[in-house]
Amino acid sequence: MQVIERPPRTIMEVYKMLPEGTLAELIKGAIYRSPAPLSKHQLISMNLSIEMGHYIRKNKIGYLFAAPCDVYLDETSNVVQPDVLVVLKKNASIVKGHIHGVPDIIIEILSKGSRSYDLGEKMELYERFGVSEYWVIDPETQEAFGYELKDNKFNSIGTFHGKIASSLLEQEFYFNQSFD
C-alpha cells in the first residue's frame, strides 16, 4: 500500500502514483486507461517478441521490450506503453529502469477501442518525438502498416500481410497468430 504524504501537484505525479502494471498512458497531459488485450493481440505480441527478440539478441544490436513498459517521451506530459518496442544499442542510455527517451521502433497492435487512437494521436506523438519506425498491426485482417521517419515526417513503408518488414533492422518478422 502506498502512503500519500502530499497531494500530487502535476499530472505526471498523478501518473507515477498509479499502481505498477496499470494499463495507462499519459498523452498531452491526459491519462488514458485501457482494458487488458484480447488473446489474438497477445499472441501477435508474443510471436513478434520471440522472433524479434531472438534476432536482436543473436546479432547483439539492442533490446526489445513488450508491454507493459513505460516509455517517458518527456518528463512532463507524455508516457506511453507500446505493445512492442526496440531500443538499438547506440541508444541504450535511454534504458534507465523505465525507458526515458525515444525508442527506435514502436509496434502497436490494434484493438476495437484503440484504432483511431493508435493511427491518430499516438502516431502524431511518435512522429513529433522522432520514432524512426512505427508499425500498426490489425489482428483481425493480419495487416501491418509500416511507417519510417524521413525529414521529421512518417512515410509509408507499405502494408504487409502476416509480417512486418523492418527497414531499420533489414529483416522481416512474422506474427501470424495461428497455432501451427
N, C-alpha and C. Protein backbone atom coordinates (compact mmCIF):
# COMPACT_ATOMS: atom_id res chain seq x y z
N MET A 1 0.84 -1.16 0.00
CA MET A 1 0.00 0.00 0.00
C MET A 1 0.90 1.23 0.00
N GLN A 2 0.50 2.22 -0.79
CA GLN A 2 1.27 3.45 -0.90
C GLN A 2 0.66 4.52 0.01
N VAL A 3 1.51 5.17 0.80
CA VAL A 3 1.06 6.27 1.66
C VAL A 3 1.32 7.57 0.92
N ILE A 4 0.30 8.39 0.80
CA ILE A 4 0.45 9.68 0.12
C ILE A 4 0.77 10.73 1.17
N GLU A 5 2.01 11.22 1.13
CA GLU A 5 2.45 12.20 2.11
C GLU A 5 2.03 13.61 1.74
N ARG A 6 1.93 13.87 0.44
CA ARG A 6 1.45 15.17 -0.01
C ARG A 6 0.68 14.94 -1.31
N PRO A 7 -0.32 15.75 -1.56
CA PRO A 7 -1.10 15.55 -2.78
C PRO A 7 -0.26 15.84 -4.03
N PRO A 8 -0.53 15.13 -5.12
CA PRO A 8 0.22 15.38 -6.35
C PRO A 8 -0.06 16.79 -6.88
N ARG A 9 0.98 17.40 -7.46
CA ARG A 9 0.84 18.76 -7.99
C ARG A 9 0.78 18.80 -9.51
N THR A 10 1.26 17.74 -10.15
CA THR A 10 1.25 17.71 -11.61
C THR A 10 0.62 16.42 -12.10
N ILE A 11 0.22 16.41 -13.36
CA ILE A 11 -0.37 15.20 -13.93
C ILE A 11 0.66 14.08 -13.97
N MET A 12 1.94 14.42 -14.15
CA MET A 12 2.99 13.40 -14.14
C MET A 12 3.09 12.76 -12.76
N GLU A 13 2.94 13.55 -11.70
CA GLU A 13 2.96 12.99 -10.34
C GLU A 13 1.77 12.05 -10.13
N VAL A 14 0.60 12.41 -10.68
CA VAL A 14 -0.57 11.54 -10.59
C VAL A 14 -0.27 10.23 -11.33
N TYR A 15 0.28 10.32 -12.53
CA TYR A 15 0.60 9.13 -13.32
C TYR A 15 1.56 8.22 -12.56
N LYS A 16 2.58 8.80 -11.97
CA LYS A 16 3.58 8.00 -11.26
C LYS A 16 3.02 7.33 -10.00
N MET A 17 1.86 7.78 -9.54
CA MET A 17 1.23 7.17 -8.36
C MET A 17 0.35 5.97 -8.72
N LEU A 18 0.10 5.75 -10.01
CA LEU A 18 -0.72 4.60 -10.41
C LEU A 18 -0.02 3.31 -10.01
N PRO A 19 -0.77 2.29 -9.62
CA PRO A 19 -0.15 1.02 -9.23
C PRO A 19 0.65 0.42 -10.38
N GLU A 20 1.75 -0.25 -10.05
CA GLU A 20 2.57 -0.91 -11.06
C GLU A 20 1.71 -1.89 -11.85
N GLY A 21 1.91 -1.91 -13.16
CA GLY A 21 1.15 -2.81 -14.02
C GLY A 21 -0.15 -2.22 -14.54
N THR A 22 -0.50 -1.01 -14.11
CA THR A 22 -1.71 -0.36 -14.60
C THR A 22 -1.57 -0.09 -16.09
N LEU A 23 -2.55 -0.49 -16.88
CA LEU A 23 -2.53 -0.22 -18.32
C LEU A 23 -3.03 1.20 -18.53
N ALA A 24 -2.09 2.14 -18.55
CA ALA A 24 -2.43 3.55 -18.69
C ALA A 24 -1.32 4.27 -19.42
N GLU A 25 -1.70 5.34 -20.12
CA GLU A 25 -0.73 6.18 -20.82
C GLU A 25 -1.06 7.63 -20.52
N LEU A 26 -0.05 8.46 -20.60
CA LEU A 26 -0.21 9.90 -20.39
C LEU A 26 0.16 10.58 -21.70
N ILE A 27 -0.83 11.16 -22.36
CA ILE A 27 -0.58 11.81 -23.65
C ILE A 27 -1.13 13.22 -23.61
N LYS A 28 -0.23 14.16 -23.88
CA LYS A 28 -0.57 15.58 -23.87
C LYS A 28 -1.27 15.96 -22.57
N GLY A 29 -0.81 15.40 -21.47
CA GLY A 29 -1.34 15.76 -20.16
C GLY A 29 -2.64 15.08 -19.77
N ALA A 30 -3.13 14.12 -20.55
CA ALA A 30 -4.36 13.40 -20.22
C ALA A 30 -4.03 11.92 -20.02
N ILE A 31 -4.61 11.31 -18.98
CA ILE A 31 -4.38 9.90 -18.70
C ILE A 31 -5.44 9.06 -19.42
N TYR A 32 -4.96 8.08 -20.19
CA TYR A 32 -5.83 7.14 -20.90
C TYR A 32 -5.62 5.75 -20.31
N ARG A 33 -6.72 5.09 -19.93
CA ARG A 33 -6.63 3.73 -19.40
C ARG A 33 -7.26 2.78 -20.40
N SER A 34 -6.80 1.54 -20.40
CA SER A 34 -7.37 0.56 -21.33
C SER A 34 -7.49 -0.79 -20.64
N PRO A 35 -8.43 -1.62 -21.13
CA PRO A 35 -8.57 -2.96 -20.56
C PRO A 35 -7.44 -3.86 -21.05
N ALA A 36 -7.30 -5.02 -20.43
CA ALA A 36 -6.29 -6.00 -20.88
C ALA A 36 -6.61 -6.41 -22.31
N PRO A 37 -5.58 -6.64 -23.13
CA PRO A 37 -5.80 -7.01 -24.52
C PRO A 37 -6.38 -8.42 -24.67
N LEU A 38 -7.03 -8.65 -25.82
CA LEU A 38 -7.61 -9.95 -26.13
C LEU A 38 -6.53 -10.94 -26.55
N SER A 39 -6.91 -12.21 -26.66
CA SER A 39 -5.94 -13.28 -26.94
C SER A 39 -5.24 -13.12 -28.28
N LYS A 40 -5.94 -12.71 -29.35
CA LYS A 40 -5.29 -12.51 -30.65
C LYS A 40 -4.17 -11.48 -30.52
N HIS A 41 -4.47 -10.42 -29.83
CA HIS A 41 -3.50 -9.34 -29.59
C HIS A 41 -2.28 -9.90 -28.86
N GLN A 42 -2.52 -10.67 -27.82
CA GLN A 42 -1.44 -11.23 -27.02
C GLN A 42 -0.57 -12.21 -27.82
N LEU A 43 -1.21 -13.03 -28.65
CA LEU A 43 -0.45 -13.98 -29.47
C LEU A 43 0.45 -13.26 -30.48
N ILE A 44 -0.06 -12.22 -31.10
CA ILE A 44 0.75 -11.44 -32.04
C ILE A 44 1.92 -10.80 -31.31
N SER A 45 1.64 -10.21 -30.17
CA SER A 45 2.70 -9.57 -29.37
C SER A 45 3.76 -10.60 -28.98
N MET A 46 3.32 -11.76 -28.53
CA MET A 46 4.26 -12.80 -28.11
C MET A 46 5.09 -13.30 -29.30
N ASN A 47 4.43 -13.57 -30.44
CA ASN A 47 5.15 -14.06 -31.61
C ASN A 47 6.20 -13.06 -32.07
N LEU A 48 5.83 -11.79 -32.14
CA LEU A 48 6.80 -10.76 -32.54
C LEU A 48 7.93 -10.64 -31.53
N SER A 49 7.59 -10.68 -30.26
CA SER A 49 8.61 -10.56 -29.21
C SER A 49 9.62 -11.70 -29.30
N ILE A 50 9.13 -12.91 -29.54
CA ILE A 50 10.03 -14.06 -29.65
C ILE A 50 10.92 -13.93 -30.89
N GLU A 51 10.29 -13.69 -32.06
CA GLU A 51 11.06 -13.60 -33.31
C GLU A 51 12.05 -12.43 -33.29
N MET A 52 11.55 -11.26 -32.96
CA MET A 52 12.41 -10.07 -32.97
C MET A 52 13.46 -10.15 -31.87
N GLY A 53 13.03 -10.62 -30.70
CA GLY A 53 13.96 -10.73 -29.57
C GLY A 53 15.12 -11.65 -29.89
N HIS A 54 14.82 -12.78 -30.52
CA HIS A 54 15.87 -13.73 -30.91
C HIS A 54 16.85 -13.06 -31.89
N TYR A 55 16.31 -12.40 -32.90
CA TYR A 55 17.15 -11.73 -33.91
C TYR A 55 18.02 -10.64 -33.27
N ILE A 56 17.43 -9.85 -32.41
CA ILE A 56 18.15 -8.74 -31.76
C ILE A 56 19.24 -9.28 -30.84
N ARG A 57 18.93 -10.32 -30.06
CA ARG A 57 19.94 -10.91 -29.17
C ARG A 57 21.06 -11.58 -29.96
N LYS A 58 20.69 -12.36 -30.96
CA LYS A 58 21.68 -13.08 -31.77
C LYS A 58 22.68 -12.12 -32.42
N ASN A 59 22.16 -10.99 -32.89
CA ASN A 59 23.01 -10.02 -33.58
C ASN A 59 23.56 -8.92 -32.66
N LYS A 60 23.17 -8.99 -31.37
CA LYS A 60 23.67 -8.05 -30.36
C LYS A 60 23.54 -6.60 -30.80
N ILE A 61 22.30 -6.26 -31.24
CA ILE A 61 22.09 -4.91 -31.78
C ILE A 61 21.23 -4.02 -30.90
N GLY A 62 20.69 -4.55 -29.82
CA GLY A 62 19.85 -3.71 -28.97
C GLY A 62 19.01 -4.51 -28.01
N TYR A 63 17.83 -3.94 -27.70
CA TYR A 63 16.96 -4.50 -26.67
C TYR A 63 15.51 -4.43 -27.14
N LEU A 64 14.75 -5.47 -26.83
CA LEU A 64 13.33 -5.50 -27.13
C LEU A 64 12.56 -5.52 -25.82
N PHE A 65 11.48 -4.74 -25.76
CA PHE A 65 10.60 -4.71 -24.59
C PHE A 65 9.17 -4.89 -25.06
N ALA A 66 8.35 -5.52 -24.22
CA ALA A 66 6.93 -5.71 -24.52
C ALA A 66 6.11 -5.10 -23.38
N ALA A 67 4.89 -4.71 -23.71
CA ALA A 67 4.00 -4.08 -22.74
C ALA A 67 3.72 -5.04 -21.58
N PRO A 68 3.49 -4.50 -20.40
CA PRO A 68 3.54 -3.07 -20.08
C PRO A 68 4.96 -2.61 -19.77
N CYS A 69 5.35 -1.54 -20.41
CA CYS A 69 6.66 -0.93 -20.20
C CYS A 69 6.51 0.57 -20.43
N ASP A 70 6.70 1.35 -19.39
CA ASP A 70 6.55 2.80 -19.52
C ASP A 70 7.68 3.40 -20.34
N VAL A 71 7.30 4.21 -21.32
CA VAL A 71 8.24 4.96 -22.15
C VAL A 71 7.96 6.44 -21.92
N TYR A 72 8.88 7.09 -21.22
CA TYR A 72 8.76 8.52 -20.94
C TYR A 72 9.34 9.29 -22.13
N LEU A 73 8.46 9.74 -23.03
CA LEU A 73 8.93 10.52 -24.18
C LEU A 73 9.43 11.88 -23.73
N ASP A 74 8.83 12.39 -22.67
CA ASP A 74 9.33 13.58 -21.99
C ASP A 74 9.04 13.39 -20.51
N GLU A 75 9.46 14.32 -19.70
CA GLU A 75 9.31 14.15 -18.25
C GLU A 75 8.14 14.94 -17.68
N THR A 76 7.27 15.48 -18.57
CA THR A 76 6.16 16.30 -18.07
C THR A 76 4.78 15.80 -18.44
N SER A 77 4.57 15.34 -19.69
CA SER A 77 3.19 15.06 -20.08
C SER A 77 2.98 13.93 -21.09
N ASN A 78 4.02 13.14 -21.41
CA ASN A 78 3.85 12.09 -22.41
C ASN A 78 4.57 10.80 -22.01
N VAL A 79 3.77 9.81 -21.56
CA VAL A 79 4.28 8.49 -21.21
C VAL A 79 3.39 7.47 -21.93
N VAL A 80 4.01 6.59 -22.72
CA VAL A 80 3.24 5.61 -23.47
C VAL A 80 3.66 4.19 -23.07
N GLN A 81 2.81 3.23 -23.40
CA GLN A 81 3.11 1.81 -23.17
C GLN A 81 2.88 1.07 -24.49
N PRO A 82 3.83 1.18 -25.43
CA PRO A 82 3.66 0.47 -26.71
C PRO A 82 3.60 -1.04 -26.49
N ASP A 83 2.97 -1.73 -27.43
CA ASP A 83 2.88 -3.19 -27.31
C ASP A 83 4.25 -3.84 -27.41
N VAL A 84 5.05 -3.39 -28.35
CA VAL A 84 6.43 -3.88 -28.53
C VAL A 84 7.28 -2.69 -28.91
N LEU A 85 8.51 -2.65 -28.39
CA LEU A 85 9.42 -1.57 -28.77
C LEU A 85 10.84 -2.08 -28.81
N VAL A 86 11.65 -1.41 -29.61
CA VAL A 86 13.06 -1.77 -29.77
C VAL A 86 13.90 -0.53 -29.52
N VAL A 87 14.94 -0.72 -28.70
CA VAL A 87 15.96 0.31 -28.48
C VAL A 87 17.27 -0.28 -29.00
N LEU A 88 17.84 0.37 -30.00
CA LEU A 88 19.11 -0.10 -30.53
C LEU A 88 20.24 0.20 -29.56
N LYS A 89 21.30 -0.58 -29.66
CA LYS A 89 22.43 -0.47 -28.73
C LYS A 89 22.98 0.95 -28.66
N LYS A 90 23.02 1.66 -29.79
CA LYS A 90 23.55 3.02 -29.81
C LYS A 90 22.73 3.99 -28.94
N ASN A 91 21.49 3.62 -28.63
CA ASN A 91 20.61 4.45 -27.81
C ASN A 91 20.33 3.83 -26.44
N ALA A 92 21.15 2.88 -26.03
CA ALA A 92 20.93 2.13 -24.78
C ALA A 92 20.86 3.03 -23.55
N SER A 93 21.41 4.23 -23.63
CA SER A 93 21.40 5.13 -22.47
C SER A 93 19.99 5.55 -22.06
N ILE A 94 18.98 5.35 -22.92
CA ILE A 94 17.61 5.72 -22.54
C ILE A 94 16.95 4.66 -21.66
N VAL A 95 17.59 3.49 -21.53
CA VAL A 95 17.05 2.41 -20.70
C VAL A 95 17.55 2.63 -19.28
N LYS A 96 16.66 3.21 -18.44
CA LYS A 96 17.01 3.55 -17.05
C LYS A 96 15.84 3.15 -16.15
N GLY A 97 15.71 1.90 -15.83
CA GLY A 97 14.53 1.44 -15.09
C GLY A 97 13.37 1.39 -16.06
N HIS A 98 12.76 2.54 -16.31
CA HIS A 98 11.80 2.67 -17.41
C HIS A 98 12.61 3.18 -18.61
N ILE A 99 11.93 3.38 -19.73
CA ILE A 99 12.58 3.96 -20.90
C ILE A 99 12.38 5.47 -20.81
N HIS A 100 13.47 6.22 -20.82
CA HIS A 100 13.41 7.68 -20.75
C HIS A 100 14.02 8.24 -22.02
N GLY A 101 13.20 8.36 -23.06
CA GLY A 101 13.65 8.83 -24.36
C GLY A 101 12.84 8.15 -25.45
N VAL A 102 13.33 8.23 -26.67
CA VAL A 102 12.57 7.76 -27.83
C VAL A 102 13.11 6.42 -28.33
N PRO A 103 12.27 5.37 -28.32
CA PRO A 103 12.68 4.08 -28.88
C PRO A 103 12.91 4.20 -30.39
N ASP A 104 13.67 3.28 -30.95
CA ASP A 104 13.93 3.29 -32.38
C ASP A 104 12.76 2.72 -33.18
N ILE A 105 12.12 1.69 -32.64
CA ILE A 105 10.97 1.06 -33.30
C ILE A 105 9.85 0.91 -32.27
N ILE A 106 8.65 1.27 -32.68
CA ILE A 106 7.46 1.06 -31.85
C ILE A 106 6.44 0.29 -32.68
N ILE A 107 5.83 -0.72 -32.04
CA ILE A 107 4.78 -1.51 -32.68
C ILE A 107 3.54 -1.45 -31.80
N GLU A 108 2.42 -1.07 -32.40
CA GLU A 108 1.12 -1.06 -31.71
C GLU A 108 0.22 -2.08 -32.39
N ILE A 109 -0.50 -2.85 -31.59
CA ILE A 109 -1.46 -3.83 -32.09
C ILE A 109 -2.85 -3.29 -31.79
N LEU A 110 -3.64 -3.13 -32.83
CA LEU A 110 -4.95 -2.50 -32.68
C LEU A 110 -5.92 -3.35 -31.87
N SER A 111 -6.81 -2.66 -31.18
CA SER A 111 -7.96 -3.29 -30.54
C SER A 111 -9.16 -2.45 -30.95
N LYS A 112 -10.36 -2.91 -30.63
CA LYS A 112 -11.55 -2.17 -31.05
C LYS A 112 -11.52 -0.72 -30.60
N GLY A 113 -11.07 -0.50 -29.38
CA GLY A 113 -11.08 0.85 -28.84
C GLY A 113 -9.85 1.69 -29.15
N SER A 114 -8.83 1.09 -29.79
CA SER A 114 -7.58 1.85 -29.96
C SER A 114 -7.27 2.27 -31.39
N ARG A 115 -8.07 1.84 -32.36
CA ARG A 115 -7.75 2.10 -33.78
C ARG A 115 -7.51 3.59 -34.05
N SER A 116 -8.46 4.44 -33.77
CA SER A 116 -8.29 5.87 -34.09
C SER A 116 -7.19 6.49 -33.23
N TYR A 117 -7.05 6.01 -32.03
CA TYR A 117 -6.02 6.49 -31.09
C TYR A 117 -4.62 6.13 -31.59
N ASP A 118 -4.41 4.86 -32.00
CA ASP A 118 -3.10 4.40 -32.46
C ASP A 118 -2.73 5.00 -33.82
N LEU A 119 -3.73 5.20 -34.68
CA LEU A 119 -3.47 5.76 -36.02
C LEU A 119 -3.57 7.28 -36.04
N GLY A 120 -4.02 7.87 -34.95
CA GLY A 120 -4.16 9.32 -34.87
C GLY A 120 -3.21 9.93 -33.88
N GLU A 121 -3.71 10.12 -32.66
CA GLU A 121 -2.93 10.81 -31.62
C GLU A 121 -1.56 10.20 -31.35
N LYS A 122 -1.52 8.88 -31.21
CA LYS A 122 -0.23 8.25 -30.90
C LYS A 122 0.73 8.33 -32.09
N MET A 123 0.21 8.16 -33.29
CA MET A 123 1.08 8.26 -34.47
C MET A 123 1.67 9.67 -34.58
N GLU A 124 0.85 10.69 -34.35
CA GLU A 124 1.33 12.07 -34.37
C GLU A 124 2.38 12.29 -33.27
N LEU A 125 2.14 11.73 -32.11
CA LEU A 125 3.07 11.86 -30.99
C LEU A 125 4.42 11.20 -31.33
N TYR A 126 4.37 9.99 -31.86
CA TYR A 126 5.60 9.28 -32.22
C TYR A 126 6.36 10.02 -33.32
N GLU A 127 5.64 10.56 -34.26
CA GLU A 127 6.27 11.35 -35.33
C GLU A 127 6.95 12.59 -34.74
N ARG A 128 6.24 13.30 -33.88
CA ARG A 128 6.76 14.54 -33.28
C ARG A 128 8.01 14.28 -32.45
N PHE A 129 8.04 13.15 -31.73
CA PHE A 129 9.19 12.85 -30.88
C PHE A 129 10.33 12.15 -31.64
N GLY A 130 10.10 11.75 -32.89
CA GLY A 130 11.18 11.22 -33.71
C GLY A 130 11.40 9.72 -33.65
N VAL A 131 10.34 8.93 -33.49
CA VAL A 131 10.46 7.46 -33.56
C VAL A 131 10.85 7.11 -35.00
N SER A 132 11.92 6.36 -35.18
CA SER A 132 12.44 6.05 -36.52
C SER A 132 11.50 5.18 -37.35
N GLU A 133 10.85 4.21 -36.68
CA GLU A 133 9.99 3.27 -37.40
C GLU A 133 8.78 2.95 -36.54
N TYR A 134 7.58 3.02 -37.14
CA TYR A 134 6.33 2.77 -36.43
C TYR A 134 5.52 1.76 -37.21
N TRP A 135 5.04 0.73 -36.51
CA TRP A 135 4.21 -0.30 -37.11
C TRP A 135 2.88 -0.39 -36.38
N VAL A 136 1.80 -0.54 -37.15
CA VAL A 136 0.47 -0.74 -36.59
C VAL A 136 -0.06 -2.04 -37.19
N ILE A 137 -0.47 -2.96 -36.32
CA ILE A 137 -0.94 -4.27 -36.76
C ILE A 137 -2.42 -4.42 -36.43
N ASP A 138 -3.19 -4.85 -37.44
CA ASP A 138 -4.60 -5.14 -37.25
C ASP A 138 -4.75 -6.65 -37.07
N PRO A 139 -5.08 -7.11 -35.85
CA PRO A 139 -5.17 -8.56 -35.61
C PRO A 139 -6.30 -9.24 -36.38
N GLU A 140 -7.32 -8.49 -36.75
CA GLU A 140 -8.46 -9.09 -37.47
C GLU A 140 -8.11 -9.39 -38.93
N THR A 141 -7.41 -8.48 -39.59
CA THR A 141 -7.07 -8.66 -41.01
C THR A 141 -5.67 -9.21 -41.22
N GLN A 142 -4.86 -9.25 -40.13
CA GLN A 142 -3.46 -9.67 -40.19
C GLN A 142 -2.60 -8.70 -41.02
N GLU A 143 -3.09 -7.47 -41.21
CA GLU A 143 -2.32 -6.47 -41.95
C GLU A 143 -1.44 -5.67 -41.01
N ALA A 144 -0.25 -5.34 -41.51
CA ALA A 144 0.69 -4.49 -40.77
C ALA A 144 0.99 -3.28 -41.64
N PHE A 145 0.82 -2.10 -41.06
CA PHE A 145 1.07 -0.84 -41.75
C PHE A 145 2.36 -0.25 -41.19
N GLY A 146 3.36 -0.06 -42.05
CA GLY A 146 4.65 0.42 -41.59
C GLY A 146 4.93 1.84 -42.01
N TYR A 147 5.62 2.57 -41.13
CA TYR A 147 5.98 3.97 -41.39
C TYR A 147 7.42 4.19 -40.93
N GLU A 148 8.17 4.94 -41.72
CA GLU A 148 9.52 5.32 -41.30
C GLU A 148 9.63 6.84 -41.34
N LEU A 149 10.44 7.37 -40.44
CA LEU A 149 10.60 8.81 -40.31
C LEU A 149 11.64 9.31 -41.31
N LYS A 150 11.23 10.23 -42.16
CA LYS A 150 12.12 10.89 -43.12
C LYS A 150 11.79 12.38 -43.07
N ASP A 151 12.80 13.20 -42.84
CA ASP A 151 12.60 14.65 -42.77
C ASP A 151 11.51 15.02 -41.76
N ASN A 152 11.53 14.35 -40.60
CA ASN A 152 10.60 14.60 -39.50
C ASN A 152 9.15 14.28 -39.81
N LYS A 153 8.90 13.47 -40.84
CA LYS A 153 7.54 13.05 -41.20
C LYS A 153 7.52 11.55 -41.42
N PHE A 154 6.42 10.90 -41.01
CA PHE A 154 6.26 9.49 -41.28
C PHE A 154 5.88 9.29 -42.75
N ASN A 155 6.59 8.39 -43.41
CA ASN A 155 6.28 7.97 -44.77
C ASN A 155 5.98 6.48 -44.74
N SER A 156 5.02 6.06 -45.55
CA SER A 156 4.62 4.66 -45.57
C SER A 156 5.74 3.77 -46.09
N ILE A 157 6.01 2.70 -45.36
CA ILE A 157 6.92 1.64 -45.83
C ILE A 157 6.11 0.69 -46.69
N GLY A 158 4.82 0.56 -46.36
CA GLY A 158 3.93 -0.33 -47.08
C GLY A 158 3.00 -1.07 -46.14
N THR A 159 2.13 -1.87 -46.73
CA THR A 159 1.21 -2.71 -45.98
C THR A 159 1.59 -4.16 -46.26
N PHE A 160 1.70 -4.95 -45.21
CA PHE A 160 2.14 -6.33 -45.32
C PHE A 160 1.12 -7.24 -44.65
N HIS A 161 1.07 -8.48 -45.09
CA HIS A 161 0.13 -9.44 -44.50
C HIS A 161 0.90 -10.48 -43.68
N GLY A 162 0.59 -10.54 -42.39
CA GLY A 162 1.18 -11.55 -41.51
C GLY A 162 2.62 -11.31 -41.10
N LYS A 163 3.16 -10.15 -41.47
CA LYS A 163 4.56 -9.87 -41.11
C LYS A 163 4.80 -8.37 -41.10
N ILE A 164 5.90 -7.99 -40.46
CA ILE A 164 6.42 -6.63 -40.62
C ILE A 164 7.76 -6.77 -41.33
N ALA A 165 8.11 -5.76 -42.10
CA ALA A 165 9.38 -5.76 -42.84
C ALA A 165 10.15 -4.52 -42.38
N SER A 166 10.91 -4.69 -41.33
CA SER A 166 11.61 -3.56 -40.72
C SER A 166 12.75 -3.07 -41.61
N SER A 167 12.66 -1.83 -42.03
CA SER A 167 13.75 -1.25 -42.82
C SER A 167 14.94 -0.94 -41.91
N LEU A 168 14.67 -0.61 -40.67
CA LEU A 168 15.74 -0.29 -39.72
C LEU A 168 16.58 -1.53 -39.37
N LEU A 169 15.90 -2.66 -39.17
CA LEU A 169 16.60 -3.91 -38.84
C LEU A 169 16.95 -4.74 -40.09
N GLU A 170 16.42 -4.30 -41.24
CA GLU A 170 16.64 -5.00 -42.51
C GLU A 170 16.28 -6.48 -42.40
N GLN A 171 15.08 -6.71 -41.85
CA GLN A 171 14.64 -8.08 -41.60
C GLN A 171 13.12 -8.13 -41.56
N GLU A 172 12.56 -9.26 -41.97
CA GLU A 172 11.12 -9.50 -41.85
C GLU A 172 10.85 -10.34 -40.62
N PHE A 173 9.73 -10.04 -39.96
CA PHE A 173 9.33 -10.79 -38.76
C PHE A 173 7.86 -11.17 -38.91
N TYR A 174 7.56 -12.46 -38.76
CA TYR A 174 6.20 -12.97 -38.92
C TYR A 174 5.46 -12.97 -37.59
N PHE A 175 4.18 -12.63 -37.64
CA PHE A 175 3.39 -12.58 -36.40
C PHE A 175 2.11 -13.39 -36.48
N ASN A 176 1.91 -14.17 -37.52
CA ASN A 176 0.69 -14.94 -37.67
C ASN A 176 0.35 -15.63 -36.36
N GLN A 177 -0.89 -15.45 -35.90
CA GLN A 177 -1.25 -15.97 -34.58
C GLN A 177 -1.82 -17.39 -34.62
N SER A 178 -1.61 -18.13 -35.72
CA SER A 178 -2.13 -19.50 -35.75
C SER A 178 -1.31 -20.39 -34.81
N PHE A 179 -1.85 -21.55 -34.50
CA PHE A 179 -1.21 -22.45 -33.55
C PHE A 179 -0.31 -23.48 -34.21
N ASP A 180 -0.06 -23.38 -35.55
CA ASP A 180 0.81 -24.37 -36.20
C ASP A 180 2.22 -23.89 -36.34
